[in-house]
Amino acid sequence: MSEANSRVAKVAGLTLAGIGLSHFVAPQLYTSLTEAAFPDNTRRHIYIDGGIETALGLALAVPKTRKLAVVGLLGYGAYLVGNVVRNR
């Protein structure tokens, strides 16, 4: 991976980690988004999602764990989409 791509991945990872942490600071910002996927126990899922996003973001920021983080992001995306579809 080129240095420029590595820098972009690091910034993207740290941004995702920051978004994940914001789930704990201001969970009300995520209520309407999270209700579509998790209509029951929405607040609990906001915190779970925040933890997942923080972990994946940090993993994406570190070159040694970047490939695993991308796989994790794909799985996380499928998990969210699957829950939205299931709860329609």
PDB file of N, CA and C in Angstrom:
ATOM      1  N   MET A   1       0.857  -1.175   0.000  1.00  0.00           N
ATOM      2  CA  MET A   1       0.000   0.000   0.000  1.00  0.00           C
ATOM      3  C   MET A   1       0.896   1.229   0.000  1.00  0.00           C
ATOM      4  N   SER A   2       0.554   2.202  -0.822  1.00  0.00           N
ATOM      5  CA  SER A   2       1.356   3.413  -0.894  1.00  0.00           C
ATOM      6  C   SER A   2       1.186   4.230   0.386  1.00  0.00           C
ATOM      7  N   GLU A   3       2.117   5.137   0.570  1.00  0.00           N
ATOM      8  CA  GLU A   3       2.072   5.969   1.771  1.00  0.00           C
ATOM      9  C   GLU A   3       0.806   6.829   1.798  1.00  0.00           C
ATOM     10  N   ALA A   4       0.395   7.331   0.636  1.00  0.00           N
ATOM     11  CA  ALA A   4      -0.824   8.145   0.566  1.00  0.00           C
ATOM     12  C   ALA A   4      -2.051   7.315   0.925  1.00  0.00           C
ATOM     13  N   ASN A   5      -2.138   6.097   0.404  1.00  0.00           N
ATOM     14  CA  ASN A   5      -3.263   5.215   0.734  1.00  0.00           C
ATOM     15  C   ASN A   5      -3.253   4.847   2.205  1.00  0.00           C
ATOM     16  N   SER A   6      -2.075   4.627   2.743  1.00  0.00           N
ATOM     17  CA  SER A   6      -1.954   4.293   4.155  1.00  0.00           C
ATOM     18  C   SER A   6      -2.430   5.459   5.019  1.00  0.00           C
ATOM     19  N   ARG A   7      -2.098   6.665   4.619  1.00  0.00           N
ATOM     20  CA  ARG A   7      -2.517   7.857   5.362  1.00  0.00           C
ATOM     21  C   ARG A   7      -4.040   8.003   5.309  1.00  0.00           C
ATOM     22  N   VAL A   8      -4.620   7.768   4.137  1.00  0.00           N
ATOM     23  CA  VAL A   8      -6.079   7.849   3.991  1.00  0.00           C
ATOM     24  C   VAL A   8      -6.756   6.797   4.869  1.00  0.00           C
ATOM     25  N   ALA A   9      -6.223   5.581   4.870  1.00  0.00           N
ATOM     26  CA  ALA A   9      -6.792   4.510   5.694  1.00  0.00           C
ATOM     27  C   ALA A   9      -6.692   4.863   7.176  1.00  0.00           C
ATOM     28  N   LYS A  10      -5.583   5.461   7.572  1.00  0.00           N
ATOM     29  CA  LYS A  10      -5.408   5.844   8.972  1.00  0.00           C
ATOM     30  C   LYS A  10      -6.409   6.924   9.376  1.00  0.00           C
ATOM     31  N   VAL A  11      -6.570   7.929   8.523  1.00  0.00           N
ATOM     32  CA  VAL A  11      -7.531   9.000   8.816  1.00  0.00           C
ATOM     33  C   VAL A  11      -8.954   8.442   8.844  1.00  0.00           C
ATOM     34  N   ALA A  12      -9.281   7.576   7.881  1.00  0.00           N
ATOM     35  CA  ALA A  12     -10.615   6.969   7.855  1.00  0.00           C
ATOM     36  C   ALA A  12     -10.852   6.142   9.118  1.00  0.00           C
ATOM     37  N   GLY A  13      -9.856   5.390   9.519  1.00  0.00           N
ATOM     38  CA  GLY A  13      -9.985   4.582  10.727  1.00  0.00           C
ATOM     39  C   GLY A  13     -10.178   5.418  11.974  1.00  0.00           C
ATOM     40  N   LEU A  14      -9.389   6.471  12.102  1.00  0.00           N
ATOM     41  CA  LEU A  14      -9.523   7.338  13.280  1.00  0.00           C
ATOM     42  C   LEU A  14     -10.854   8.084  13.263  1.00  0.00           C
ATOM     43  N   THR A  15     -11.330   8.428  12.071  1.00  0.00           N
ATOM     44  CA  THR A  15     -12.646   9.065  11.958  1.00  0.00           C
ATOM     45  C   THR A  15     -13.739   8.104  12.403  1.00  0.00           C
ATOM     46  N   LEU A  16     -13.670   6.869  11.927  1.00  0.00           N
ATOM     47  CA  LEU A  16     -14.650   5.863  12.330  1.00  0.00           C
ATOM     48  C   LEU A  16     -14.590   5.622  13.837  1.00  0.00           C
ATOM     49  N   ALA A  17     -13.400   5.572  14.395  1.00  0.00           N
ATOM     50  CA  ALA A  17     -13.265   5.388  15.842  1.00  0.00           C
ATOM     51  C   ALA A  17     -13.885   6.565  16.596  1.00  0.00           C
ATOM     52  N   GLY A  18     -13.684   7.772  16.086  1.00  0.00           N
ATOM     53  CA  GLY A  18     -14.294   8.957  16.703  1.00  0.00           C
ATOM     54  C   GLY A  18     -15.809   8.906  16.648  1.00  0.00           C
ATOM     55  N   ILE A  19     -16.343   8.466  15.510  1.00  0.00           N
ATOM     56  CA  ILE A  19     -17.790   8.314  15.384  1.00  0.00           C
ATOM     57  C   ILE A  19     -18.280   7.257  16.370  1.00  0.00           C
ATOM     58  N   GLY A  20     -17.534   6.169  16.482  1.00  0.00           N
ATOM     59  CA  GLY A  20     -17.902   5.125  17.442  1.00  0.00           C
ATOM     60  C   GLY A  20     -17.950   5.660  18.863  1.00  0.00           C
ATOM     61  N   LEU A  21     -16.951   6.436  19.237  1.00  0.00           N
ATOM     62  CA  LEU A  21     -16.920   7.005  20.588  1.00  0.00           C
ATOM     63  C   LEU A  21     -18.060   7.990  20.819  1.00  0.00           C
ATOM     64  N   SER A  22     -18.464   8.684  19.759  1.00  0.00           N
ATOM     65  CA  SER A  22     -19.553   9.651  19.917  1.00  0.00           C
ATOM     66  C   SER A  22     -20.877   8.969  20.271  1.00  0.00           C
ATOM     67  N   HIS A  23     -20.996   7.672  19.996  1.00  0.00           N
ATOM     68  CA  HIS A  23     -22.193   6.933  20.402  1.00  0.00           C
ATOM     69  C   HIS A  23     -22.355   6.944  21.926  1.00  0.00           C
ATOM     70  N   PHE A  24     -21.239   7.012  22.643  1.00  0.00           N
ATOM     71  CA  PHE A  24     -21.274   7.010  24.101  1.00  0.00           C
ATOM     72  C   PHE A  24     -21.470   8.407  24.666  1.00  0.00           C
ATOM     73  N   VAL A  25     -20.988   9.412  23.936  1.00  0.00           N
ATOM     74  CA  VAL A  25     -21.066  10.799  24.390  1.00  0.00           C
ATOM     75  C   VAL A  25     -22.443  11.399  24.100  1.00  0.00           C
ATOM     76  N   ALA A  26     -22.977  11.110  22.921  1.00  0.00           N
ATOM     77  CA  ALA A  26     -24.264  11.678  22.507  1.00  0.00           C
ATOM     78  C   ALA A  26     -25.124  10.599  21.842  1.00  0.00           C
ATOM     79  N   PRO A  27     -25.560   9.611  22.596  1.00  0.00           N
ATOM     80  CA  PRO A  27     -26.308   8.501  21.997  1.00  0.00           C
ATOM     81  C   PRO A  27     -27.604   8.940  21.317  1.00  0.00           C
ATOM     82  N   GLN A  28     -28.181  10.041  21.761  1.00  0.00           N
ATOM     83  CA  GLN A  28     -29.433  10.508  21.168  1.00  0.00           C
ATOM     84  C   GLN A  28     -29.281  10.844  19.685  1.00  0.00           C
ATOM     85  N   LEU A  29     -28.076  11.134  19.241  1.00  0.00           N
ATOM     86  CA  LEU A  29     -27.845  11.419  17.824  1.00  0.00           C
ATOM     87  C   LEU A  29     -28.093  10.193  16.943  1.00  0.00           C
ATOM     88  N   TYR A  30     -28.008   9.022  17.518  1.00  0.00           N
ATOM     89  CA  TYR A  30     -28.094   7.776  16.755  1.00  0.00           C
ATOM     90  C   TYR A  30     -29.413   7.035  16.945  1.00  0.00           C
ATOM     91  N   THR A  31     -30.304   7.580  17.732  1.00  0.00           N
ATOM     92  CA  THR A  31     -31.557   6.874  18.033  1.00  0.00           C
ATOM     93  C   THR A  31     -32.365   6.596  16.775  1.00  0.00           C
ATOM     94  N   SER A  32     -32.613   7.605  15.957  1.00  0.00           N
ATOM     95  CA  SER A  32     -33.472   7.389  14.783  1.00  0.00           C
ATOM     96  C   SER A  32     -32.831   6.437  13.782  1.00  0.00           C
ATOM     97  N   LEU A  33     -31.517   6.495  13.630  1.00  0.00           N
ATOM     98  CA  LEU A  33     -30.826   5.576  12.721  1.00  0.00           C
ATOM     99  C   LEU A  33     -30.857   4.142  13.233  1.00  0.00           C
ATOM    100  N   THR A  34     -30.654   3.989  14.512  1.00  0.00           N
ATOM    101  CA  THR A  34     -30.542   2.660  15.100  1.00  0.00           C
ATOM    102  C   THR A  34     -31.899   1.975  15.230  1.00  0.00           C
ATOM    103  N   GLU A  35     -32.961   2.748  15.416  1.00  0.00           N
ATOM    104  CA  GLU A  35     -34.293   2.156  15.556  1.00  0.00           C
ATOM    105  C   GLU A  35     -34.703   1.333  14.334  1.00  0.00           C
ATOM    106  N   ALA A  36     -34.236   1.735  13.153  1.00  0.00           N
ATOM    107  CA  ALA A  36     -34.597   0.996  11.933  1.00  0.00           C
ATOM    108  C   ALA A  36     -34.059  -0.429  11.968  1.00  0.00           C
ATOM    109  N   ALA A  37     -32.872  -0.597  12.526  1.00  0.00           N
ATOM    110  CA  ALA A  37     -32.260  -1.925  12.596  1.00  0.00           C
ATOM    111  C   ALA A  37     -32.601  -2.651  13.886  1.00  0.00           C
ATOM    112  N   PHE A  38     -32.781  -1.884  14.959  1.00  0.00           N
ATOM    113  CA  PHE A  38     -32.986  -2.478  16.282  1.00  0.00           C
ATOM    114  C   PHE A  38     -34.104  -1.739  17.018  1.00  0.00           C
ATOM    115  N   PRO A  39     -35.355  -2.040  16.677  1.00  0.00           N
ATOM    116  CA  PRO A  39     -36.463  -1.325  17.309  1.00  0.00           C
ATOM    117  C   PRO A  39     -36.619  -1.641  18.802  1.00  0.00           C
ATOM    118  N   ASP A  40     -36.142  -2.789  19.229  1.00  0.00           N
ATOM    119  CA  ASP A  40     -36.184  -3.146  20.649  1.00  0.00           C
ATOM    120  C   ASP A  40     -34.809  -2.909  21.261  1.00  0.00           C
ATOM    121  N   ASN A  41     -34.793  -2.376  22.466  1.00  0.00           N
ATOM    122  CA  ASN A  41     -33.528  -2.107  23.171  1.00  0.00           C
ATOM    123  C   ASN A  41     -32.589  -1.235  22.323  1.00  0.00           C
ATOM    124  N   THR A  42     -33.140  -0.194  21.729  1.00  0.00           N
ATOM    125  CA  THR A  42     -32.382   0.661  20.820  1.00  0.00           C
ATOM    126  C   THR A  42     -31.148   1.247  21.498  1.00  0.00           C
ATOM    127  N   ARG A  43     -31.291   1.756  22.707  1.00  0.00           N
ATOM    128  CA  ARG A  43     -30.156   2.403  23.387  1.00  0.00           C
ATOM    129  C   ARG A  43     -29.018   1.409  23.596  1.00  0.00           C
ATOM    130  N   ARG A  44     -29.345   0.195  23.970  1.00  0.00           N
ATOM    131  CA  ARG A  44     -28.309  -0.832  24.152  1.00  0.00           C
ATOM    132  C   ARG A  44     -27.560  -1.067  22.845  1.00  0.00           C
ATOM    133  N   HIS A  45     -28.283  -1.109  21.748  1.00  0.00           N
ATOM    134  CA  HIS A  45     -27.649  -1.334  20.448  1.00  0.00           C
ATOM    135  C   HIS A  45     -26.832  -0.130  19.990  1.00  0.00           C
ATOM    136  N   ILE A  46     -27.225   1.057  20.405  1.00  0.00           N
ATOM    137  CA  ILE A  46     -26.407   2.241  20.100  1.00  0.00           C
ATOM    138  C   ILE A  46     -25.030   2.067  20.734  1.00  0.00           C
ATOM    139  N   TYR A  47     -24.998   1.624  21.969  1.00  0.00           N
ATOM    140  CA  TYR A  47     -23.713   1.422  22.650  1.00  0.00           C
ATOM    141  C   TYR A  47     -22.925   0.264  22.037  1.00  0.00           C
ATOM    142  N   ILE A  48     -23.604  -0.801  21.693  1.00  0.00           N
ATOM    143  CA  ILE A  48     -22.928  -1.942  21.050  1.00  0.00           C
ATOM    144  C   ILE A  48     -22.319  -1.493  19.726  1.00  0.00           C
ATOM    145  N   ASP A  49     -23.115  -0.789  18.922  1.00  0.00           N
ATOM    146  CA  ASP A  49     -22.611  -0.294  17.630  1.00  0.00           C
ATOM    147  C   ASP A  49     -21.438   0.653  17.822  1.00  0.00           C
ATOM    148  N   GLY A  50     -21.516   1.497  18.833  1.00  0.00           N
ATOM    149  CA  GLY A  50     -20.413   2.405  19.116  1.00  0.00           C
ATOM    150  C   GLY A  50     -19.131   1.658  19.449  1.00  0.00           C
ATOM    151  N   GLY A  51     -19.255   0.603  20.225  1.00  0.00           N
ATOM    152  CA  GLY A  51     -18.081  -0.205  20.552  1.00  0.00           C
ATOM    153  C   GLY A  51     -17.505  -0.894  19.332  1.00  0.00           C
ATOM    154  N   ILE A  52     -18.382  -1.431  18.497  1.00  0.00           N
ATOM    155  CA  ILE A  52     -17.927  -2.102  17.269  1.00  0.00           C
ATOM    156  C   ILE A  52     -17.232  -1.101  16.357  1.00  0.00           C
ATOM    157  N   GLU A  53     -17.836   0.066  16.161  1.00  0.00           N
ATOM    158  CA  GLU A  53     -17.250   1.063  15.272  1.00  0.00           C
ATOM    159  C   GLU A  53     -15.921   1.593  15.807  1.00  0.00           C
ATOM    160  N   THR A  54     -15.819   1.752  17.114  1.00  0.00           N
ATOM    161  CA  THR A  54     -14.552   2.193  17.701  1.00  0.00           C
ATOM    162  C   THR A  54     -13.460   1.156  17.459  1.00  0.00           C
ATOM    163  N   ALA A  55     -13.773  -0.100  17.726  1.00  0.00           N
ATOM    164  CA  ALA A  55     -12.785  -1.168  17.543  1.00  0.00           C
ATOM    165  C   ALA A  55     -12.375  -1.308  16.076  1.00  0.00           C
ATOM    166  N   LEU A  56     -13.364  -1.296  15.169  1.00  0.00           N
ATOM    167  CA  LEU A  56     -13.041  -1.426  13.747  1.00  0.00           C
ATOM    168  C   LEU A  56     -12.251  -0.223  13.248  1.00  0.00           C
ATOM    169  N   GLY A  57     -12.591   0.950  13.715  1.00  0.00           N
ATOM    170  CA  GLY A  57     -11.862   2.153  13.316  1.00  0.00           C
ATOM    171  C   GLY A  57     -10.411   2.108  13.754  1.00  0.00           C
ATOM    172  N   LEU A  58     -10.174   1.705  14.990  1.00  0.00           N
ATOM    173  CA  LEU A  58      -8.793   1.604  15.473  1.00  0.00           C
ATOM    174  C   LEU A  58      -8.028   0.527  14.716  1.00  0.00           C
ATOM    175  N   ALA A  59      -8.700  -0.579  14.415  1.00  0.00           N
ATOM    176  CA  ALA A  59      -8.051  -1.648  13.646  1.00  0.00           C
ATOM    177  C   ALA A  59      -7.721  -1.183  12.232  1.00  0.00           C
ATOM    178  N   LEU A  60      -8.581  -0.366  11.653  1.00  0.00           N
ATOM    179  CA  LEU A  60      -8.339   0.164  10.314  1.00  0.00           C
ATOM    180  C   LEU A  60      -7.163   1.144  10.307  1.00  0.00           C
ATOM    181  N   ALA A  61      -6.975   1.860  11.399  1.00  0.00           N
ATOM    182  CA  ALA A  61      -5.906   2.854  11.488  1.00  0.00           C
ATOM    183  C   ALA A  61      -4.518   2.230  11.595  1.00  0.00           C
ATOM    184  N   VAL A  62      -4.437   0.983  12.021  1.00  0.00           N
ATOM    185  CA  VAL A  62      -3.156   0.310  12.238  1.00  0.00           C
ATOM    186  C   VAL A  62      -2.861  -0.610  11.044  1.00  0.00           C
ATOM    187  N   PRO A  63      -1.733  -0.406  10.376  1.00  0.00           N
ATOM    188  CA  PRO A  63      -1.427  -1.211   9.189  1.00  0.00           C
ATOM    189  C   PRO A  63      -1.480  -2.727   9.411  1.00  0.00           C
ATOM    190  N   LYS A  64      -1.033  -3.205  10.549  1.00  0.00           N
ATOM    191  CA  LYS A  64      -0.997  -4.653  10.798  1.00  0.00           C
ATOM    192  C   LYS A  64      -2.394  -5.271  10.879  1.00  0.00           C
ATOM    193  N   THR A  65      -3.402  -4.506  11.260  1.00  0.00           N
ATOM    194  CA  THR A  65      -4.748  -5.047  11.427  1.00  0.00           C
ATOM    195  C   THR A  65      -5.721  -4.538  10.369  1.00  0.00           C
ATOM    196  N   ARG A  66      -5.225  -3.803   9.404  1.00  0.00           N
ATOM    197  CA  ARG A  66      -6.086  -3.151   8.414  1.00  0.00           C
ATOM    198  C   ARG A  66      -6.900  -4.148   7.589  1.00  0.00           C
ATOM    199  N   LYS A  67      -6.286  -5.205   7.102  1.00  0.00           N
ATOM    200  CA  LYS A  67      -7.019  -6.177   6.280  1.00  0.00           C
ATOM    201  C   LYS A  67      -8.130  -6.844   7.082  1.00  0.00           C
ATOM    202  N   LEU A  68      -7.840  -7.205   8.305  1.00  0.00           N
ATOM    203  CA  LEU A  68      -8.862  -7.805   9.164  1.00  0.00           C
ATOM    204  C   LEU A  68      -9.980  -6.802   9.431  1.00  0.00           C
ATOM    205  N   ALA A  69      -9.632  -5.537   9.594  1.00  0.00           N
ATOM    206  CA  ALA A  69     -10.635  -4.499   9.828  1.00  0.00           C
ATOM    207  C   ALA A  69     -11.565  -4.355   8.632  1.00  0.00           C
ATOM    208  N   VAL A  70     -11.024  -4.449   7.430  1.00  0.00           N
ATOM    209  CA  VAL A  70     -11.866  -4.347   6.229  1.00  0.00           C
ATOM    210  C   VAL A  70     -12.857  -5.510   6.195  1.00  0.00           C
ATOM    211  N   VAL A  71     -12.397  -6.700   6.516  1.00  0.00           N
ATOM    212  CA  VAL A  71     -13.299  -7.857   6.581  1.00  0.00           C
ATOM    213  C   VAL A  71     -14.363  -7.615   7.656  1.00  0.00           C
ATOM    214  N   GLY A  72     -13.934  -7.097   8.782  1.00  0.00           N
ATOM    215  CA  GLY A  72     -14.872  -6.784   9.861  1.00  0.00           C
ATOM    216  C   GLY A  72     -15.896  -5.740   9.451  1.00  0.00           C
ATOM    217  N   LEU A  73     -15.462  -4.725   8.716  1.00  0.00           N
ATOM    218  CA  LEU A  73     -16.394  -3.699   8.234  1.00  0.00           C
ATOM    219  C   LEU A  73     -17.433  -4.282   7.286  1.00  0.00           C
ATOM    220  N   LEU A  74     -17.003  -5.183   6.426  1.00  0.00           N
ATOM    221  CA  LEU A  74     -17.950  -5.834   5.520  1.00  0.00           C
ATOM    222  C   LEU A  74     -18.979  -6.650   6.307  1.00  0.00           C
ATOM    223  N   GLY A  75     -18.514  -7.387   7.286  1.00  0.00           N
ATOM    224  CA  GLY A  75     -19.415  -8.170   8.127  1.00  0.00           C
ATOM    225  C   GLY A  75     -20.358  -7.287   8.933  1.00  0.00           C
ATOM    226  N   TYR A  76     -19.831  -6.199   9.458  1.00  0.00           N
ATOM    227  CA  TYR A  76     -20.642  -5.257  10.242  1.00  0.00           C
ATOM    228  C   TYR A  76     -21.717  -4.619   9.359  1.00  0.00           C
ATOM    229  N   GLY A  77     -21.345  -4.252   8.143  1.00  0.00           N
ATOM    230  CA  GLY A  77     -22.316  -3.690   7.203  1.00  0.00           C
ATOM    231  C   GLY A  77     -23.425  -4.679   6.895  1.00  0.00           C
ATOM    232  N   ALA A  78     -23.063  -5.939   6.671  1.00  0.00           N
ATOM    233  CA  ALA A  78     -24.059  -6.973   6.393  1.00  0.00           C
ATOM    234  C   ALA A  78     -24.969  -7.180   7.600  1.00  0.00           C
ATOM    235  N   TYR A  79     -24.401  -7.141   8.782  1.00  0.00           N
ATOM    236  CA  TYR A  79     -25.157  -7.286  10.034  1.00  0.00           C
ATOM    237  C   TYR A  79     -26.193  -6.171  10.163  1.00  0.00           C
ATOM    238  N   LEU A  80     -25.790  -4.928   9.899  1.00  0.00           N
ATOM    239  CA  LEU A  80     -26.719  -3.808  10.008  1.00  0.00           C
ATOM    240  C   LEU A  80     -27.814  -3.882   8.940  1.00  0.00           C
ATOM    241  N   VAL A  81     -27.422  -4.115   7.696  1.00  0.00           N
ATOM    242  CA  VAL A  81     -28.398  -4.191   6.609  1.00  0.00           C
ATOM    243  C   VAL A  81     -29.377  -5.342   6.862  1.00  0.00           C
ATOM    244  N   GLY A  82     -28.868  -6.465   7.298  1.00  0.00           N
ATOM    245  CA  GLY A  82     -29.714  -7.613   7.588  1.00  0.00           C
ATOM    246  C   GLY A  82     -30.755  -7.302   8.644  1.00  0.00           C
ATOM    247  N   ASN A  83     -30.370  -6.562   9.655  1.00  0.00           N
ATOM    248  CA  ASN A  83     -31.324  -6.202  10.715  1.00  0.00           C
ATOM    249  C   ASN A  83     -32.342  -5.182  10.228  1.00  0.00           C
ATOM    250  N   VAL A  84     -31.946  -4.254   9.400  1.00  0.00           N
ATOM    251  CA  VAL A  84     -32.900  -3.298   8.837  1.00  0.00           C
ATOM    252  C   VAL A  84     -33.944  -4.033   7.997  1.00  0.00           C
ATOM    253  N   VAL A  85     -33.493  -4.917   7.141  1.00  0.00           N
ATOM    254  CA  VAL A  85     -34.405  -5.676   6.285  1.00  0.00           C
ATOM    255  C   VAL A  85     -35.335  -6.559   7.127  1.00  0.00           C
ATOM    256  N   ARG A  86     -34.786  -7.199   8.105  1.00  0.00           N
ATOM    257  CA  ARG A  86     -35.575  -8.098   8.966  1.00  0.00           C
ATOM    258  C   ARG A  86     -36.648  -7.343   9.743  1.00  0.00           C
ATOM    259  N   ASN A  87     -36.368  -6.095  10.121  1.00  0.00           N
ATOM    260  CA  ASN A  87     -37.298  -5.337  10.959  1.00  0.00           C
ATOM    261  C   ASN A  87     -38.212  -4.395  10.191  1.00  0.00           C
ATOM    262  N   ARG A  88     -38.286  -4.544   8.892  1.00  0.00           N
ATOM    263  CA  ARG A  88     -39.197  -3.689   8.095  1.00  0.00           C
ATOM    264  C   ARG A  88     -40.607  -4.068   8.305  1.00  0.00           C
TER     265      ARG A  88
END
